[in-house]
Amino acid sequence: MSFFKNILRGKDKKTWINIVTALFIGVMLILMSNTLFKKNNEKTIIKTNENQNLNTNPQNKNQSYEENIERRLENILSNVEGVGMVKVMVTTKNSSEIMIAKDISEERTSTTDGGVNNQSTKNEAKNVILGNEEPLVLTEYQPKIEGVAVIAQGGGNIKIKNEIIKAVQALLGVETHKIEVLKMK
C-alpha cells in the first residue's frame, strides 16, 4: 500500500514514468492491431426495387395501391352533401420502393513480404436479413401521386367542385392544378 502512496505523492518519479510509458505503449499496440487486422462487420440498409428481392410484380402492386386510393376517395367524397355518385381515377409517377435489411460482412487483409510485395484482399458477403421466413422490410415507399380525376354528379356546381378539390388536396397532398373535377352525365 505504501508503494501506491509513494507513487501518488510523487516520491518515486521513475516508477511513475515507467507506468505511464507502459500504458502508452499498450494503447498504441491496441490501436495498431485494429488497423493492421481490421475486420469490418456492419449492418447496412440497401435500397432496392421490390421486384429484385421480393418477387412481386410492381404493376400489380401499383394497381392495387391506386385502386385502394380510388376506392377510399370515392367512399369519402360520395358521403359529402351535394356530391352524389363519384368515380375517381388516380395516376402515379413511379413504382413502390421497398428498403430491406441486409447484413454486409467485409473482411480486408493485407500482407507484406519483406517490404517488397504488398498484397491486399477484400472479401464481402451480403445476406438479406429474414424475419418470419421473409425479407425484413425496413421501409416501404408508396408511389407518388401524379394526378387525380374526379367525376361527380355534383361536379357542375362550382361550390361542390371547390369542396372536392380541397378534400382531395388535403387527403392526398396533390397540388390543386393536378386535380380535375368533372360533372357526371
Protein backbone atom coordinates (compact mmCIF):
# COMPACT_ATOMS: atom_id res chain seq x y z
CA MET A 1 0.00 0.00 0.00
CA SER A 2 2.90 2.34 0.75
CA PHE A 3 4.16 1.74 -2.85
CA PHE A 4 0.99 3.33 -4.28
CA LYS A 5 1.12 6.18 -1.76
CA ASN A 6 4.71 6.91 -2.83
CA ILE A 7 3.74 6.93 -6.50
CA LEU A 8 0.77 9.20 -5.91
CA ARG A 9 2.84 11.59 -3.79
CA GLY A 10 5.50 11.75 -6.49
CA LYS A 11 8.38 10.46 -4.39
CA ASP A 12 9.21 7.67 -6.84
CA LYS A 13 9.05 9.52 -10.20
CA LYS A 14 10.98 6.88 -12.13
CA THR A 15 8.32 4.24 -11.33
CA TRP A 16 5.54 6.67 -12.26
CA ILE A 17 7.19 7.42 -15.63
CA ASN A 18 7.60 3.67 -16.31
CA ILE A 19 3.89 3.01 -15.62
CA VAL A 20 2.73 5.85 -17.88
CA THR A 21 5.12 4.73 -20.61
CA ALA A 22 3.87 1.12 -20.37
CA LEU A 23 0.24 2.30 -20.61
CA PHE A 24 1.05 4.47 -23.62
CA ILE A 25 2.80 1.60 -25.41
CA GLY A 26 -0.13 -0.73 -24.62
CA VAL A 27 -2.67 1.69 -26.07
CA MET A 28 -0.55 2.20 -29.18
CA LEU A 29 -0.28 -1.58 -29.72
CA ILE A 30 -4.05 -1.96 -29.43
CA LEU A 31 -4.66 0.82 -31.94
CA MET A 32 -2.11 -0.55 -34.37
CA SER A 33 -3.54 -4.07 -34.17
CA ASN A 34 -7.01 -2.75 -35.04
CA THR A 35 -5.73 -1.07 -38.19
CA LEU A 36 -3.50 -3.96 -39.30
CA PHE A 37 -6.02 -6.75 -38.73
CA LYS A 38 -9.26 -4.94 -39.41
CA LYS A 39 -12.48 -6.91 -39.78
CA ASN A 40 -15.46 -4.77 -40.53
CA ASN A 41 -18.84 -6.33 -39.73
CA GLU A 42 -21.70 -3.90 -40.04
CA LYS A 43 -25.36 -3.91 -40.88
CA THR A 44 -26.27 -1.69 -43.78
CA ILE A 45 -29.55 -0.77 -45.36
CA ILE A 46 -29.60 -1.38 -49.09
CA LYS A 47 -32.17 0.44 -51.18
CA THR A 48 -33.63 -1.95 -53.72
CA ASN A 49 -36.57 -2.10 -56.00
CA GLU A 50 -39.20 -4.55 -54.77
CA ASN A 51 -39.11 -6.77 -57.87
CA GLN A 52 -35.42 -7.51 -57.34
CA ASN A 53 -35.73 -9.14 -53.93
CA LEU A 54 -39.36 -9.76 -53.08
CA ASN A 55 -40.52 -11.43 -56.31
CA THR A 56 -43.63 -9.28 -56.62
CA ASN A 57 -44.96 -7.73 -59.76
CA PRO A 58 -44.66 -3.94 -59.42
CA GLN A 59 -47.54 -3.32 -61.83
CA ASN A 60 -49.95 -5.33 -59.68
CA LYS A 61 -48.65 -3.63 -56.55
CA ASN A 62 -49.14 -0.16 -58.08
CA GLN A 63 -52.50 -1.09 -59.46
CA SER A 64 -53.78 -2.29 -56.11
CA TYR A 65 -52.35 0.83 -54.42
CA GLU A 66 -54.05 3.08 -56.96
CA GLU A 67 -57.30 1.12 -56.78
CA ASN A 68 -57.25 1.27 -52.98
CA ILE A 69 -56.79 5.07 -53.03
CA GLU A 70 -59.51 5.45 -55.67
CA ARG A 71 -61.97 3.29 -53.72
CA ARG A 72 -61.33 5.12 -50.44
CA LEU A 73 -61.60 8.52 -52.11
CA GLU A 74 -64.87 7.54 -53.81
CA ASN A 75 -66.19 6.37 -50.46
CA ILE A 76 -65.32 9.63 -48.69
CA LEU A 77 -66.47 12.01 -51.44
CA SER A 78 -69.79 10.24 -52.04
CA ASN A 79 -70.71 10.97 -48.41
CA VAL A 80 -70.28 14.74 -48.87
CA GLU A 81 -73.59 16.57 -49.26
CA GLY A 82 -74.31 17.59 -52.84
CA VAL A 83 -71.58 15.47 -54.43
CA GLY A 84 -73.72 12.44 -55.27
CA MET A 85 -72.26 9.45 -57.08
CA VAL A 86 -68.49 9.60 -57.68
CA LYS A 87 -65.86 7.95 -59.87
CA VAL A 88 -62.18 8.59 -59.19
CA MET A 89 -59.03 7.91 -61.19
CA VAL A 90 -55.56 8.27 -59.66
CA THR A 91 -52.34 8.20 -61.66
CA THR A 92 -48.91 7.64 -60.13
CA LYS A 93 -45.46 8.74 -61.25
CA ASN A 94 -43.25 5.86 -60.09
CA SER A 95 -43.45 2.39 -58.62
CA SER A 96 -43.39 1.32 -54.99
CA GLU A 97 -39.98 1.09 -53.43
CA ILE A 98 -39.01 -1.16 -50.54
CA MET A 99 -35.95 -0.87 -48.35
CA ILE A 100 -34.92 -4.24 -46.95
CA ALA A 101 -32.32 -5.02 -44.32
CA LYS A 102 -29.09 -6.62 -45.43
CA ASP A 103 -26.14 -7.80 -43.39
CA ILE A 104 -22.88 -6.90 -45.08
CA SER A 105 -19.72 -8.54 -43.81
CA GLU A 106 -16.47 -7.15 -45.10
CA GLU A 107 -13.03 -8.57 -44.41
CA ARG A 108 -9.84 -6.88 -45.54
CA THR A 109 -6.40 -8.39 -45.21
CA SER A 110 -3.05 -7.13 -46.34
CA THR A 111 0.29 -8.91 -46.33
CA THR A 112 3.78 -7.55 -46.83
CA ASP A 113 6.62 -9.77 -47.98
CA GLY A 114 9.81 -8.14 -46.73
CA GLY A 115 8.64 -4.69 -47.77
CA VAL A 116 8.80 -5.60 -51.48
CA ASN A 117 5.43 -7.20 -52.25
CA ASN A 118 2.20 -5.77 -50.88
CA GLN A 119 -0.95 -7.82 -51.34
CA SER A 120 -4.39 -6.67 -50.32
CA THR A 121 -7.56 -8.76 -50.46
CA LYS A 122 -11.14 -7.84 -49.76
CA ASN A 123 -13.95 -10.33 -49.14
CA GLU A 124 -17.53 -9.09 -48.97
CA ALA A 125 -20.69 -11.06 -48.22
CA LYS A 126 -24.21 -9.64 -48.49
CA ASN A 127 -27.05 -11.52 -46.84
CA VAL A 128 -30.69 -10.49 -46.67
CA ILE A 129 -31.93 -10.42 -43.09
CA LEU A 130 -35.04 -12.56 -42.72
CA GLY A 131 -37.93 -12.18 -40.33
CA ASN A 132 -40.59 -14.93 -40.32
CA GLU A 133 -39.06 -16.57 -43.43
CA GLU A 134 -39.43 -13.33 -45.47
CA PRO A 135 -37.03 -10.43 -46.02
CA LEU A 136 -37.14 -7.88 -43.21
CA VAL A 137 -38.75 -4.76 -44.69
CA LEU A 138 -37.48 -1.58 -43.06
CA THR A 139 -39.44 0.98 -45.06
CA GLU A 140 -41.88 0.91 -47.93
CA TYR A 141 -42.33 4.00 -50.07
CA GLN A 142 -45.62 4.25 -51.93
CA PRO A 143 -45.76 5.65 -55.47
CA LYS A 144 -46.03 9.43 -55.81
CA ILE A 145 -49.49 10.50 -56.94
CA GLU A 146 -49.21 12.47 -60.17
CA GLY A 147 -52.83 13.45 -60.78
CA VAL A 148 -56.44 12.86 -59.75
CA ALA A 149 -59.60 12.99 -61.86
CA VAL A 150 -62.95 13.07 -60.05
CA ILE A 151 -66.23 12.64 -61.90
CA ALA A 152 -69.17 13.52 -59.65
CA GLN A 153 -72.90 14.11 -60.11
CA GLY A 154 -72.50 17.44 -58.32
CA GLY A 155 -69.35 18.35 -60.25
CA GLY A 156 -71.17 21.05 -62.21
CA ASN A 157 -71.73 23.17 -59.08
CA ILE A 158 -68.70 25.43 -58.50
CA LYS A 159 -69.09 25.27 -54.70
CA ILE A 160 -69.15 21.44 -54.70
CA LYS A 161 -66.27 21.37 -57.18
CA ASN A 162 -64.13 23.52 -54.87
CA GLU A 163 -65.00 21.33 -51.86
CA ILE A 164 -63.96 18.22 -53.78
CA ILE A 165 -60.66 19.82 -54.82
CA LYS A 166 -59.92 20.88 -51.22
CA ALA A 167 -60.76 17.40 -49.92
CA VAL A 168 -58.55 15.63 -52.48
CA GLN A 169 -55.74 18.08 -51.81
CA ALA A 170 -55.99 17.54 -48.05
CA LEU A 171 -56.23 13.75 -48.28
CA LEU A 172 -53.58 13.07 -50.92
CA GLY A 173 -51.31 16.11 -50.78
CA VAL A 174 -51.71 16.69 -54.51
CA GLU A 175 -51.30 20.22 -55.87
CA THR A 176 -54.52 21.91 -56.97
CA HIS A 177 -53.56 22.10 -60.66
CA LYS A 178 -53.21 18.30 -60.72
CA ILE A 179 -56.82 17.74 -59.62
CA GLU A 180 -59.63 17.80 -62.15
CA VAL A 181 -63.31 17.65 -61.16
CA LEU A 182 -65.91 16.96 -63.84
CA LYS A 183 -69.70 16.64 -63.92
CA MET A 184 -71.08 13.10 -64.34
CA LYS A 185 -73.57 12.58 -67.19
